[in-house]
Protein backbone atom coordinates (compact mmCIF):
# COMPACT_ATOMS: atom_id res chain seq x y z
CA UNK A 1 0.00 0.00 0.00
CA UNK A 2 1.42 3.40 -1.05
CA UNK A 3 1.31 6.28 1.34
CA UNK A 4 0.84 9.79 0.03
CA UNK A 5 4.08 11.75 0.50
CA UNK A 6 2.30 14.63 2.22
CA UNK A 7 0.34 12.43 4.59
CA UNK A 8 2.41 12.27 7.73
CA UNK A 9 1.80 12.22 11.40
CA UNK A 10 0.13 15.64 11.19
CA UNK A 11 -2.35 14.66 8.49
CA UNK A 12 -2.87 16.17 5.05
CA UNK A 13 -1.27 19.55 4.37
CA UNK A 14 -3.34 22.65 3.70
CA UNK A 15 -2.98 24.74 0.52
CA UNK A 16 -0.36 27.47 0.86
CA UNK A 17 -0.49 30.83 -0.93
CA UNK A 18 1.75 33.92 -0.99
CA UNK A 19 0.49 37.29 0.28
CA UNK A 20 0.91 39.93 -2.47
CA UNK A 21 1.56 42.55 0.22
CA UNK A 22 4.31 41.14 2.43
CA UNK A 23 5.23 38.23 0.12
CA UNK A 24 5.21 35.70 2.96
CA UNK A 25 3.65 32.29 2.58
CA UNK A 26 0.63 31.33 4.67
CA UNK A 27 -2.19 28.83 4.67
CA UNK A 28 -4.83 29.75 2.11
CA UNK A 29 -7.46 29.85 4.86
CA UNK A 30 -5.47 32.59 6.67
CA UNK A 31 -5.50 34.90 3.63
CA UNK A 32 -8.19 36.96 1.91
CA UNK A 33 -8.76 36.18 -1.77
CA UNK A 34 -9.04 39.09 -4.20
CA UNK A 35 -10.30 38.86 -7.78
CA UNK A 36 -10.11 41.29 -10.71
CA UNK A 37 -13.56 41.68 -12.23
CA UNK A 38 -14.89 44.38 -14.59
CA UNK A 39 -11.88 46.64 -14.03
CA UNK A 40 -12.01 46.45 -10.23
CA UNK A 41 -10.27 44.47 -7.51
CA UNK A 42 -12.98 42.79 -5.44
CA UNK A 43 -12.80 40.78 -2.22
CA UNK A 44 -13.90 37.17 -2.63
CA UNK A 45 -14.65 35.93 0.89
CA UNK A 46 -16.27 32.68 -0.31
CA UNK A 47 -13.40 31.95 -2.72
CA UNK A 48 -15.83 31.09 -5.51
CA UNK A 49 -15.68 34.04 -7.93
CA UNK A 50 -14.36 33.16 -11.38
CA UNK A 51 -10.99 34.36 -12.51
CA UNK A 52 -7.47 34.58 -11.29
CA UNK A 53 -7.12 35.24 -7.58
CA UNK A 54 -4.52 37.05 -5.53
CA UNK A 55 -4.15 36.52 -1.80
CA UNK A 56 -3.58 39.08 0.93
CA UNK A 57 -3.37 39.05 4.72
CA UNK A 58 -6.25 40.91 6.39
CA UNK A 59 -3.67 43.39 7.70
CA UNK A 60 -3.64 47.07 6.67
CA UNK A 61 0.17 46.96 6.42
CA UNK A 62 -0.01 44.25 3.75
CA UNK A 63 -2.67 46.21 1.87
CA UNK A 64 -0.58 49.40 1.96
CA UNK A 65 2.49 47.48 0.81
CA UNK A 66 0.58 45.94 -2.11
CA UNK A 67 -0.75 49.36 -3.16
CA UNK A 68 2.68 51.00 -2.81
CA UNK A 69 4.36 48.28 -4.91
CA UNK A 70 1.51 48.33 -7.50
CA UNK A 71 1.26 44.55 -7.64
CA UNK A 72 -2.09 44.29 -9.43
CA UNK A 73 -0.88 44.06 -13.04
CA UNK A 74 1.46 41.19 -12.11
CA UNK A 75 -0.90 39.43 -9.72
CA UNK A 76 -3.82 39.46 -12.15
CA UNK A 77 -1.71 39.33 -15.34
CA UNK A 78 -3.37 42.35 -16.91
CA UNK A 79 -2.21 45.68 -18.32
CA UNK A 80 -5.54 47.26 -17.41
CA UNK A 81 -5.70 49.85 -14.62
CA UNK A 82 -7.77 48.44 -11.76
CA UNK A 83 -10.03 50.22 -9.26
CA UNK A 84 -9.06 49.20 -5.72
CA UNK A 85 -11.72 51.23 -3.87
CA UNK A 86 -13.77 48.15 -2.88
CA UNK A 87 -10.88 46.64 -0.97
CA UNK A 88 -9.77 50.06 0.32
CA UNK A 89 -13.17 50.35 1.99
CA UNK A 90 -12.49 47.12 3.92
CA UNK A 91 -9.33 48.63 5.38
CA UNK A 92 -10.90 52.05 6.01
CA UNK A 93 -8.63 53.86 3.56
CA UNK A 94 -9.48 56.59 1.09
CA UNK A 95 -11.05 55.37 -2.14
CA UNK A 96 -8.75 55.44 -5.16
CA UNK A 97 -9.61 54.73 -8.74
CA UNK A 98 -6.97 53.74 -11.29
CA UNK A 99 -4.03 53.69 -8.92
CA UNK A 100 -2.62 57.06 -10.08
CA UNK A 101 -1.18 59.14 -7.25
CA UNK A 102 -3.53 61.88 -6.12
CA UNK A 103 -6.63 60.50 -7.88
CA UNK A 104 -9.31 60.52 -5.20
PDB file of N, CA and C in Angstrom:
ATOM      1  N   UNK A   1       0.830  -1.167   0.000  1.00  0.00           N
ATOM      2  CA  UNK A   1       0.000   0.000   0.000  1.00  0.00           C
ATOM      3  C   UNK A   1       0.885   1.244   0.000  1.00  0.00           C
ATOM      4  N   UNK A   2       0.635   2.175  -0.949  1.00  0.00           N
ATOM      5  CA  UNK A   2       1.419   3.403  -1.047  1.00  0.00           C
ATOM      6  C   UNK A   2       0.851   4.473  -0.132  1.00  0.00           C
ATOM      7  N   UNK A   3       1.728   5.152   0.513  1.00  0.00           N
ATOM      8  CA  UNK A   3       1.307   6.280   1.344  1.00  0.00           C
ATOM      9  C   UNK A   3       1.568   7.563   0.582  1.00  0.00           C
ATOM     10  N   UNK A   4       0.666   8.489   0.676  1.00  0.00           N
ATOM     11  CA  UNK A   4       0.838   9.789   0.031  1.00  0.00           C
ATOM     12  C   UNK A   4       2.003  10.498   0.714  1.00  0.00           C
ATOM     13  N   UNK A   5       2.879  11.123  -0.048  1.00  0.00           N
ATOM     14  CA  UNK A   5       4.077  11.747   0.496  1.00  0.00           C
ATOM     15  C   UNK A   5       3.753  12.850   1.499  1.00  0.00           C
ATOM     16  N   UNK A   6       2.646  13.532   1.322  1.00  0.00           N
ATOM     17  CA  UNK A   6       2.304  14.634   2.220  1.00  0.00           C
ATOM     18  C   UNK A   6       1.518  14.168   3.441  1.00  0.00           C
ATOM     19  N   UNK A   7       1.091  12.942   3.455  1.00  0.00           N
ATOM     20  CA  UNK A   7       0.341  12.426   4.591  1.00  0.00           C
ATOM     21  C   UNK A   7       1.358  11.954   5.619  1.00  0.00           C
ATOM     22  N   UNK A   8       1.469  12.654   6.691  1.00  0.00           N
ATOM     23  CA  UNK A   8       2.407  12.270   7.730  1.00  0.00           C
ATOM     24  C   UNK A   8       1.676  12.108   9.038  1.00  0.00           C
ATOM     25  N   UNK A   9       2.381  12.316  10.075  1.00  0.00           N
ATOM     26  CA  UNK A   9       1.801  12.216  11.401  1.00  0.00           C
ATOM     27  C   UNK A   9       0.768  13.316  11.607  1.00  0.00           C
ATOM     28  N   UNK A  10       1.007  14.500  10.998  1.00  0.00           N
ATOM     29  CA  UNK A  10       0.127  15.644  11.194  1.00  0.00           C
ATOM     30  C   UNK A  10      -1.106  15.608  10.310  1.00  0.00           C
ATOM     31  N   UNK A  11      -1.202  14.716   9.390  1.00  0.00           N
ATOM     32  CA  UNK A  11      -2.353  14.658   8.488  1.00  0.00           C
ATOM     33  C   UNK A  11      -2.057  15.367   7.176  1.00  0.00           C
ATOM     34  N   UNK A  12      -3.088  15.541   6.354  1.00  0.00           N
ATOM     35  CA  UNK A  12      -2.870  16.170   5.053  1.00  0.00           C
ATOM     36  C   UNK A  12      -2.519  17.648   5.205  1.00  0.00           C
ATOM     37  N   UNK A  13      -1.661  18.144   4.313  1.00  0.00           N
ATOM     38  CA  UNK A  13      -1.267  19.546   4.372  1.00  0.00           C
ATOM     39  C   UNK A  13      -2.362  20.433   3.785  1.00  0.00           C
ATOM     40  N   UNK A  14      -2.375  21.679   4.209  1.00  0.00           N
ATOM     41  CA  UNK A  14      -3.344  22.648   3.701  1.00  0.00           C
ATOM     42  C   UNK A  14      -2.715  23.418   2.553  1.00  0.00           C
ATOM     43  N   UNK A  15      -3.537  23.936   1.619  1.00  0.00           N
ATOM     44  CA  UNK A  15      -2.983  24.736   0.522  1.00  0.00           C
ATOM     45  C   UNK A  15      -2.282  25.979   1.058  1.00  0.00           C
ATOM     46  N   UNK A  16      -1.155  26.312   0.450  1.00  0.00           N
ATOM     47  CA  UNK A  16      -0.359  27.465   0.861  1.00  0.00           C
ATOM     48  C   UNK A  16      -0.349  28.474  -0.278  1.00  0.00           C
ATOM     49  N   UNK A  17      -0.512  29.752   0.058  1.00  0.00           N
ATOM     50  CA  UNK A  17      -0.492  30.834  -0.927  1.00  0.00           C
ATOM     51  C   UNK A  17       0.465  31.916  -0.429  1.00  0.00           C
ATOM     52  N   UNK A  18       0.858  32.829  -1.324  1.00  0.00           N
ATOM     53  CA  UNK A  18       1.747  33.923  -0.989  1.00  0.00           C
ATOM     54  C   UNK A  18       0.960  35.225  -0.934  1.00  0.00           C
ATOM     55  N   UNK A  19       1.138  35.983   0.129  1.00  0.00           N
ATOM     56  CA  UNK A  19       0.493  37.288   0.276  1.00  0.00           C
ATOM     57  C   UNK A  19       1.150  38.258  -0.699  1.00  0.00           C
ATOM     58  N   UNK A  20       0.347  38.980  -1.493  1.00  0.00           N
ATOM     59  CA  UNK A  20       0.909  39.929  -2.466  1.00  0.00           C
ATOM     60  C   UNK A  20       1.432  41.183  -1.781  1.00  0.00           C
ATOM     61  N   UNK A  21       1.094  41.381  -0.510  1.00  0.00           N
ATOM     62  CA  UNK A  21       1.564  42.554   0.218  1.00  0.00           C
ATOM     63  C   UNK A  21       2.936  42.339   0.825  1.00  0.00           C
ATOM     64  N   UNK A  22       3.049  41.373   1.716  1.00  0.00           N
ATOM     65  CA  UNK A  22       4.309  41.136   2.426  1.00  0.00           C
ATOM     66  C   UNK A  22       5.147  40.029   1.793  1.00  0.00           C
ATOM     67  N   UNK A  23       4.579  39.318   0.845  1.00  0.00           N
ATOM     68  CA  UNK A  23       5.232  38.230   0.116  1.00  0.00           C
ATOM     69  C   UNK A  23       5.636  37.053   1.005  1.00  0.00           C
ATOM     70  N   UNK A  24       4.955  36.883   2.129  1.00  0.00           N
ATOM     71  CA  UNK A  24       5.213  35.704   2.959  1.00  0.00           C
ATOM     72  C   UNK A  24       4.173  34.639   2.631  1.00  0.00           C
ATOM     73  N   UNK A  25       4.546  33.403   2.865  1.00  0.00           N
ATOM     74  CA  UNK A  25       3.648  32.286   2.578  1.00  0.00           C
ATOM     75  C   UNK A  25       2.813  31.985   3.809  1.00  0.00           C
ATOM     76  N   UNK A  26       1.542  31.655   3.570  1.00  0.00           N
ATOM     77  CA  UNK A  26       0.634  31.326   4.669  1.00  0.00           C
ATOM     78  C   UNK A  26      -0.411  30.356   4.147  1.00  0.00           C
ATOM     79  N   UNK A  27      -1.105  29.726   5.058  1.00  0.00           N
ATOM     80  CA  UNK A  27      -2.193  28.826   4.673  1.00  0.00           C
ATOM     81  C   UNK A  27      -3.260  29.640   3.947  1.00  0.00           C
ATOM     82  N   UNK A  28      -3.818  29.064   2.909  1.00  0.00           N
ATOM     83  CA  UNK A  28      -4.830  29.747   2.110  1.00  0.00           C
ATOM     84  C   UNK A  28      -5.982  30.242   2.984  1.00  0.00           C
ATOM     85  N   UNK A  29      -6.343  29.474   3.991  1.00  0.00           N
ATOM     86  CA  UNK A  29      -7.458  29.849   4.859  1.00  0.00           C
ATOM     87  C   UNK A  29      -7.146  31.066   5.730  1.00  0.00           C
ATOM     88  N   UNK A  30      -5.870  31.424   5.878  1.00  0.00           N
ATOM     89  CA  UNK A  30      -5.471  32.585   6.668  1.00  0.00           C
ATOM     90  C   UNK A  30      -5.406  33.865   5.838  1.00  0.00           C
ATOM     91  N   UNK A  31      -5.611  33.755   4.533  1.00  0.00           N
ATOM     92  CA  UNK A  31      -5.500  34.900   3.630  1.00  0.00           C
ATOM     93  C   UNK A  31      -6.846  35.250   3.021  1.00  0.00           C
ATOM     94  N   UNK A  32      -6.981  36.486   2.591  1.00  0.00           N
ATOM     95  CA  UNK A  32      -8.185  36.959   1.914  1.00  0.00           C
ATOM     96  C   UNK A  32      -7.943  36.871   0.408  1.00  0.00           C
ATOM     97  N   UNK A  33      -8.891  36.302  -0.320  1.00  0.00           N
ATOM     98  CA  UNK A  33      -8.763  36.178  -1.773  1.00  0.00           C
ATOM     99  C   UNK A  33      -9.336  37.422  -2.430  1.00  0.00           C
ATOM    100  N   UNK A  34      -8.607  37.951  -3.410  1.00  0.00           N
ATOM    101  CA  UNK A  34      -9.041  39.088  -4.203  1.00  0.00           C
ATOM    102  C   UNK A  34      -9.138  38.650  -5.649  1.00  0.00           C
ATOM    103  N   UNK A  35     -10.086  39.216  -6.391  1.00  0.00           N
ATOM    104  CA  UNK A  35     -10.300  38.863  -7.785  1.00  0.00           C
ATOM    105  C   UNK A  35     -10.449  40.146  -8.592  1.00  0.00           C
ATOM    106  N   UNK A  36      -9.905  40.168  -9.801  1.00  0.00           N
ATOM    107  CA  UNK A  36     -10.107  41.290 -10.713  1.00  0.00           C
ATOM    108  C   UNK A  36     -11.336  40.987 -11.555  1.00  0.00           C
ATOM    109  N   UNK A  37     -12.323  41.879 -11.490  1.00  0.00           N
ATOM    110  CA  UNK A  37     -13.558  41.682 -12.232  1.00  0.00           C
ATOM    111  C   UNK A  37     -14.070  43.030 -12.710  1.00  0.00           C
ATOM    112  N   UNK A  38     -14.336  43.158 -13.995  1.00  0.00           N
ATOM    113  CA  UNK A  38     -14.890  44.384 -14.589  1.00  0.00           C
ATOM    114  C   UNK A  38     -14.068  45.611 -14.237  1.00  0.00           C
ATOM    115  N   UNK A  39     -12.751  45.494 -14.266  1.00  0.00           N
ATOM    116  CA  UNK A  39     -11.883  46.643 -14.026  1.00  0.00           C
ATOM    117  C   UNK A  39     -11.705  47.011 -12.569  1.00  0.00           C
ATOM    118  N   UNK A  40     -12.131  46.159 -11.662  1.00  0.00           N
ATOM    119  CA  UNK A  40     -12.007  46.448 -10.230  1.00  0.00           C
ATOM    120  C   UNK A  40     -11.442  45.249  -9.489  1.00  0.00           C
ATOM    121  N   UNK A  41     -10.746  45.524  -8.401  1.00  0.00           N
ATOM    122  CA  UNK A  41     -10.271  44.469  -7.509  1.00  0.00           C
ATOM    123  C   UNK A  41     -11.348  44.288  -6.450  1.00  0.00           C
ATOM    124  N   UNK A  42     -11.872  43.072  -6.347  1.00  0.00           N
ATOM    125  CA  UNK A  42     -12.977  42.790  -5.437  1.00  0.00           C
ATOM    126  C   UNK A  42     -12.578  41.724  -4.428  1.00  0.00           C
ATOM    127  N   UNK A  43     -13.025  41.855  -3.180  1.00  0.00           N
ATOM    128  CA  UNK A  43     -12.801  40.778  -2.220  1.00  0.00           C
ATOM    129  C   UNK A  43     -13.680  39.583  -2.566  1.00  0.00           C
ATOM    130  N   UNK A  44     -13.165  38.396  -2.352  1.00  0.00           N
ATOM    131  CA  UNK A  44     -13.901  37.168  -2.629  1.00  0.00           C
ATOM    132  C   UNK A  44     -13.888  36.298  -1.374  1.00  0.00           C
ATOM    133  N   UNK A  45     -14.705  36.652  -0.385  1.00  0.00           N
ATOM    134  CA  UNK A  45     -14.652  35.929   0.890  1.00  0.00           C
ATOM    135  C   UNK A  45     -15.009  34.445   0.777  1.00  0.00           C
ATOM    136  N   UNK A  46     -15.878  34.089  -0.153  1.00  0.00           N
ATOM    137  CA  UNK A  46     -16.265  32.682  -0.305  1.00  0.00           C
ATOM    138  C   UNK A  46     -15.256  31.906  -1.146  1.00  0.00           C
ATOM    139  N   UNK A  47     -14.391  32.617  -1.879  1.00  0.00           N
ATOM    140  CA  UNK A  47     -13.398  31.951  -2.719  1.00  0.00           C
ATOM    141  C   UNK A  47     -13.994  31.264  -3.931  1.00  0.00           C
ATOM    142  N   UNK A  48     -15.128  31.760  -4.414  1.00  0.00           N
ATOM    143  CA  UNK A  48     -15.829  31.091  -5.510  1.00  0.00           C
ATOM    144  C   UNK A  48     -15.976  31.942  -6.774  1.00  0.00           C
ATOM    145  N   UNK A  49     -15.537  33.187  -6.735  1.00  0.00           N
ATOM    146  CA  UNK A  49     -15.678  34.036  -7.928  1.00  0.00           C
ATOM    147  C   UNK A  49     -14.758  33.525  -9.034  1.00  0.00           C
ATOM    148  N   UNK A  50     -15.210  33.627 -10.286  1.00  0.00           N
ATOM    149  CA  UNK A  50     -14.363  33.155 -11.381  1.00  0.00           C
ATOM    150  C   UNK A  50     -13.191  34.099 -11.605  1.00  0.00           C
ATOM    151  N   UNK A  51     -12.145  33.554 -12.156  1.00  0.00           N
ATOM    152  CA  UNK A  51     -10.989  34.360 -12.514  1.00  0.00           C
ATOM    153  C   UNK A  51      -9.799  34.094 -11.626  1.00  0.00           C
ATOM    154  N   UNK A  52      -8.723  34.731 -12.004  1.00  0.00           N
ATOM    155  CA  UNK A  52      -7.466  34.580 -11.292  1.00  0.00           C
ATOM    156  C   UNK A  52      -7.550  35.289  -9.944  1.00  0.00           C
ATOM    157  N   UNK A  53      -7.082  34.657  -8.912  1.00  0.00           N
ATOM    158  CA  UNK A  53      -7.124  35.239  -7.582  1.00  0.00           C
ATOM    159  C   UNK A  53      -5.750  35.661  -7.112  1.00  0.00           C
ATOM    160  N   UNK A  54      -5.735  36.634  -6.225  1.00  0.00           N
ATOM    161  CA  UNK A  54      -4.524  37.051  -5.530  1.00  0.00           C
ATOM    162  C   UNK A  54      -4.864  36.994  -4.049  1.00  0.00           C
ATOM    163  N   UNK A  55      -3.888  36.716  -3.219  1.00  0.00           N
ATOM    164  CA  UNK A  55      -4.146  36.524  -1.803  1.00  0.00           C
ATOM    165  C   UNK A  55      -3.421  37.583  -0.983  1.00  0.00           C
ATOM    166  N   UNK A  56      -4.081  37.996   0.102  1.00  0.00           N
ATOM    167  CA  UNK A  56      -3.579  39.081   0.927  1.00  0.00           C
ATOM    168  C   UNK A  56      -3.956  38.824   2.380  1.00  0.00           C
ATOM    169  N   UNK A  57      -3.026  39.111   3.302  1.00  0.00           N
ATOM    170  CA  UNK A  57      -3.366  39.050   4.719  1.00  0.00           C
ATOM    171  C   UNK A  57      -4.395  40.138   5.017  1.00  0.00           C
ATOM    172  N   UNK A  58      -5.254  39.913   5.976  1.00  0.00           N
ATOM    173  CA  UNK A  58      -6.245  40.913   6.389  1.00  0.00           C
ATOM    174  C   UNK A  58      -5.576  41.904   7.337  1.00  0.00           C
ATOM    175  N   UNK A  59      -4.482  42.472   6.904  1.00  0.00           N
ATOM    176  CA  UNK A  59      -3.673  43.391   7.697  1.00  0.00           C
ATOM    177  C   UNK A  59      -3.473  44.662   6.878  1.00  0.00           C
ATOM    178  N   UNK A  60      -3.799  45.824   7.426  1.00  0.00           N
ATOM    179  CA  UNK A  60      -3.642  47.073   6.673  1.00  0.00           C
ATOM    180  C   UNK A  60      -2.220  47.303   6.168  1.00  0.00           C
ATOM    181  N   UNK A  61      -1.215  46.789   6.883  1.00  0.00           N
ATOM    182  CA  UNK A  61       0.170  46.963   6.419  1.00  0.00           C
ATOM    183  C   UNK A  61       0.416  46.201   5.120  1.00  0.00           C
ATOM    184  N   UNK A  62      -0.161  45.015   4.991  1.00  0.00           N
ATOM    185  CA  UNK A  62      -0.012  44.246   3.752  1.00  0.00           C
ATOM    186  C   UNK A  62      -0.735  44.952   2.607  1.00  0.00           C
ATOM    187  N   UNK A  63      -1.911  45.490   2.886  1.00  0.00           N
ATOM    188  CA  UNK A  63      -2.668  46.209   1.865  1.00  0.00           C
ATOM    189  C   UNK A  63      -1.899  47.439   1.398  1.00  0.00           C
ATOM    190  N   UNK A  64      -1.349  48.211   2.326  1.00  0.00           N
ATOM    191  CA  UNK A  64      -0.576  49.401   1.963  1.00  0.00           C
ATOM    192  C   UNK A  64       0.663  49.016   1.154  1.00  0.00           C
ATOM    193  N   UNK A  65       1.312  47.944   1.542  1.00  0.00           N
ATOM    194  CA  UNK A  65       2.493  47.479   0.814  1.00  0.00           C
ATOM    195  C   UNK A  65       2.126  47.072  -0.613  1.00  0.00           C
ATOM    196  N   UNK A  66       1.022  46.366  -0.772  1.00  0.00           N
ATOM    197  CA  UNK A  66       0.582  45.943  -2.107  1.00  0.00           C
ATOM    198  C   UNK A  66       0.252  47.157  -2.972  1.00  0.00           C
ATOM    199  N   UNK A  67      -0.422  48.146  -2.400  1.00  0.00           N
ATOM    200  CA  UNK A  67      -0.745  49.362  -3.164  1.00  0.00           C
ATOM    201  C   UNK A  67       0.522  50.121  -3.525  1.00  0.00           C
ATOM    202  N   UNK A  68       1.443  50.250  -2.575  1.00  0.00           N
ATOM    203  CA  UNK A  68       2.683  50.996  -2.805  1.00  0.00           C
ATOM    204  C   UNK A  68       3.526  50.337  -3.901  1.00  0.00           C
ATOM    205  N   UNK A  69       3.564  49.006  -3.921  1.00  0.00           N
ATOM    206  CA  UNK A  69       4.357  48.276  -4.914  1.00  0.00           C
ATOM    207  C   UNK A  69       3.624  48.084  -6.233  1.00  0.00           C
ATOM    208  N   UNK A  70       2.331  48.451  -6.289  1.00  0.00           N
ATOM    209  CA  UNK A  70       1.510  48.332  -7.503  1.00  0.00           C
ATOM    210  C   UNK A  70       1.586  46.916  -8.082  1.00  0.00           C
ATOM    211  N   UNK A  71       1.141  45.959  -7.297  1.00  0.00           N
ATOM    212  CA  UNK A  71       1.261  44.546  -7.644  1.00  0.00           C
ATOM    213  C   UNK A  71       0.156  44.026  -8.554  1.00  0.00           C
ATOM    214  N   UNK A  72      -0.883  44.808  -8.792  1.00  0.00           N
ATOM    215  CA  UNK A  72      -2.093  44.286  -9.434  1.00  0.00           C
ATOM    216  C   UNK A  72      -1.874  43.812 -10.863  1.00  0.00           C
ATOM    217  N   UNK A  73      -1.086  44.510 -11.656  1.00  0.00           N
ATOM    218  CA  UNK A  73      -0.882  44.058 -13.036  1.00  0.00           C
ATOM    219  C   UNK A  73      -0.162  42.709 -13.073  1.00  0.00           C
ATOM    220  N   UNK A  74       0.766  42.484 -12.163  1.00  0.00           N
ATOM    221  CA  UNK A  74       1.463  41.189 -12.105  1.00  0.00           C
ATOM    222  C   UNK A  74       0.581  40.106 -11.504  1.00  0.00           C
ATOM    223  N   UNK A  75      -0.090  40.437 -10.410  1.00  0.00           N
ATOM    224  CA  UNK A  75      -0.899  39.429  -9.721  1.00  0.00           C
ATOM    225  C   UNK A  75      -2.048  38.933 -10.586  1.00  0.00           C
ATOM    226  N   UNK A  76      -2.665  39.841 -11.336  1.00  0.00           N
ATOM    227  CA  UNK A  76      -3.818  39.458 -12.148  1.00  0.00           C
ATOM    228  C   UNK A  76      -3.469  39.303 -13.627  1.00  0.00           C
ATOM    229  N   UNK A  77      -2.191  39.478 -13.956  1.00  0.00           N
ATOM    230  CA  UNK A  77      -1.711  39.330 -15.336  1.00  0.00           C
ATOM    231  C   UNK A  77      -2.551  40.144 -16.315  1.00  0.00           C
ATOM    232  N   UNK A  78      -2.618  41.450 -16.051  1.00  0.00           N
ATOM    233  CA  UNK A  78      -3.367  42.353 -16.906  1.00  0.00           C
ATOM    234  C   UNK A  78      -2.622  43.680 -17.016  1.00  0.00           C
ATOM    235  N   UNK A  79      -2.787  44.356 -18.136  1.00  0.00           N
ATOM    236  CA  UNK A  79      -2.208  45.684 -18.320  1.00  0.00           C
ATOM    237  C   UNK A  79      -3.227  46.762 -17.978  1.00  0.00           C
ATOM    238  N   UNK A  80      -4.440  46.352 -17.711  1.00  0.00           N
ATOM    239  CA  UNK A  80      -5.545  47.262 -17.412  1.00  0.00           C
ATOM    240  C   UNK A  80      -5.359  47.891 -16.027  1.00  0.00           C
ATOM    241  N   UNK A  81      -5.701  49.178 -15.910  1.00  0.00           N
ATOM    242  CA  UNK A  81      -5.696  49.847 -14.622  1.00  0.00           C
ATOM    243  C   UNK A  81      -6.913  49.370 -13.828  1.00  0.00           C
ATOM    244  N   UNK A  82      -6.700  49.025 -12.568  1.00  0.00           N
ATOM    245  CA  UNK A  82      -7.774  48.442 -11.757  1.00  0.00           C
ATOM    246  C   UNK A  82      -8.176  49.375 -10.614  1.00  0.00           C
ATOM    247  N   UNK A  83      -9.458  49.440 -10.357  1.00  0.00           N
ATOM    248  CA  UNK A  83     -10.029  50.215  -9.258  1.00  0.00           C
ATOM    249  C   UNK A  83      -9.929  49.399  -7.979  1.00  0.00           C
ATOM    250  N   UNK A  84      -9.251  49.935  -6.974  1.00  0.00           N
ATOM    251  CA  UNK A  84      -9.062  49.203  -5.717  1.00  0.00           C
ATOM    252  C   UNK A  84      -9.945  49.746  -4.592  1.00  0.00           C
ATOM    253  N   UNK A  85     -10.914  50.576  -4.902  1.00  0.00           N
ATOM    254  CA  UNK A  85     -11.716  51.228  -3.871  1.00  0.00           C
ATOM    255  C   UNK A  85     -12.549  50.239  -3.047  1.00  0.00           C
ATOM    256  N   UNK A  86     -12.970  49.129  -3.628  1.00  0.00           N
ATOM    257  CA  UNK A  86     -13.774  48.152  -2.880  1.00  0.00           C
ATOM    258  C   UNK A  86     -12.970  47.534  -1.733  1.00  0.00           C
ATOM    259  N   UNK A  87     -11.722  47.228  -1.999  1.00  0.00           N
ATOM    260  CA  UNK A  87     -10.877  46.636  -0.968  1.00  0.00           C
ATOM    261  C   UNK A  87     -10.393  47.733  -0.014  1.00  0.00           C
ATOM    262  N   UNK A  88     -10.138  48.936  -0.537  1.00  0.00           N
ATOM    263  CA  UNK A  88      -9.765  50.062   0.315  1.00  0.00           C
ATOM    264  C   UNK A  88     -10.814  50.297   1.393  1.00  0.00           C
ATOM    265  N   UNK A  89     -12.084  50.148   1.037  1.00  0.00           N
ATOM    266  CA  UNK A  89     -13.172  50.355   1.985  1.00  0.00           C
ATOM    267  C   UNK A  89     -13.103  49.341   3.136  1.00  0.00           C
ATOM    268  N   UNK A  90     -12.632  48.127   2.865  1.00  0.00           N
ATOM    269  CA  UNK A  90     -12.485  47.124   3.924  1.00  0.00           C
ATOM    270  C   UNK A  90     -11.450  47.542   4.959  1.00  0.00           C
ATOM    271  N   UNK A  91     -10.408  48.223   4.494  1.00  0.00           N
ATOM    272  CA  UNK A  91      -9.328  48.634   5.380  1.00  0.00           C
ATOM    273  C   UNK A  91      -9.506  50.052   5.892  1.00  0.00           C
ATOM    274  N   UNK A  92     -10.603  50.712   5.507  1.00  0.00           N
ATOM    275  CA  UNK A  92     -10.896  52.047   6.007  1.00  0.00           C
ATOM    276  C   UNK A  92     -10.064  53.138   5.379  1.00  0.00           C
ATOM    277  N   UNK A  93      -9.467  52.861   4.214  1.00  0.00           N
ATOM    278  CA  UNK A  93      -8.634  53.855   3.555  1.00  0.00           C
ATOM    279  C   UNK A  93      -9.435  54.706   2.595  1.00  0.00           C
ATOM    280  N   UNK A  94      -8.811  55.753   2.078  1.00  0.00           N
ATOM    281  CA  UNK A  94      -9.483  56.587   1.089  1.00  0.00           C
ATOM    282  C   UNK A  94      -9.656  55.835  -0.222  1.00  0.00           C
ATOM    283  N   UNK A  95     -10.766  56.052  -0.886  1.00  0.00           N
ATOM    284  CA  UNK A  95     -11.050  55.370  -2.143  1.00  0.00           C
ATOM    285  C   UNK A  95     -10.169  55.923  -3.249  1.00  0.00           C
ATOM    286  N   UNK A  96      -9.567  55.036  -4.016  1.00  0.00           N
ATOM    287  CA  UNK A  96      -8.752  55.443  -5.162  1.00  0.00           C
ATOM    288  C   UNK A  96      -9.193  54.662  -6.376  1.00  0.00           C
ATOM    289  N   UNK A  97      -9.242  55.363  -7.494  1.00  0.00           N
ATOM    290  CA  UNK A  97      -9.605  54.728  -8.744  1.00  0.00           C
ATOM    291  C   UNK A  97      -8.425  54.835  -9.689  1.00  0.00           C
ATOM    292  N   UNK A  98      -8.024  53.721 -10.287  1.00  0.00           N
ATOM    293  CA  UNK A  98      -6.972  53.736 -11.293  1.00  0.00           C
ATOM    294  C   UNK A  98      -5.574  53.591 -10.750  1.00  0.00           C
ATOM    295  N   UNK A  99      -5.344  53.873  -9.491  1.00  0.00           N
ATOM    296  CA  UNK A  99      -4.030  53.692  -8.917  1.00  0.00           C
ATOM    297  C   UNK A  99      -3.085  54.841  -9.164  1.00  0.00           C
ATOM    298  N   UNK A 100      -3.497  55.917  -9.851  1.00  0.00           N
ATOM    299  CA  UNK A 100      -2.624  57.055 -10.080  1.00  0.00           C
ATOM    300  C   UNK A 100      -2.523  57.880  -8.798  1.00  0.00           C
ATOM    301  N   UNK A 101      -1.323  58.356  -8.471  1.00  0.00           N
ATOM    302  CA  UNK A 101      -1.183  59.142  -7.255  1.00  0.00           C
ATOM    303  C   UNK A 101      -2.052  60.397  -7.307  1.00  0.00           C
ATOM    304  N   UNK A 102      -2.714  60.675  -6.215  1.00  0.00           N
ATOM    305  CA  UNK A 102      -3.526  61.880  -6.120  1.00  0.00           C
ATOM    306  C   UNK A 102      -4.909  61.775  -6.737  1.00  0.00           C
ATOM    307  N   UNK A 103      -5.306  60.625  -7.271  1.00  0.00           N
ATOM    308  CA  UNK A 103      -6.633  60.502  -7.876  1.00  0.00           C
ATOM    309  C   UNK A 103      -7.621  59.991  -6.840  1.00  0.00           C
ATOM    310  N   UNK A 104      -8.336  60.896  -6.218  1.00  0.00           N
ATOM    311  CA  UNK A 104      -9.315  60.524  -5.200  1.00  0.00           C
ATOM    312  C   UNK A 104     -10.684  60.842  -5.648  1.00  0.00           C
TER     313      UNK A 104
END
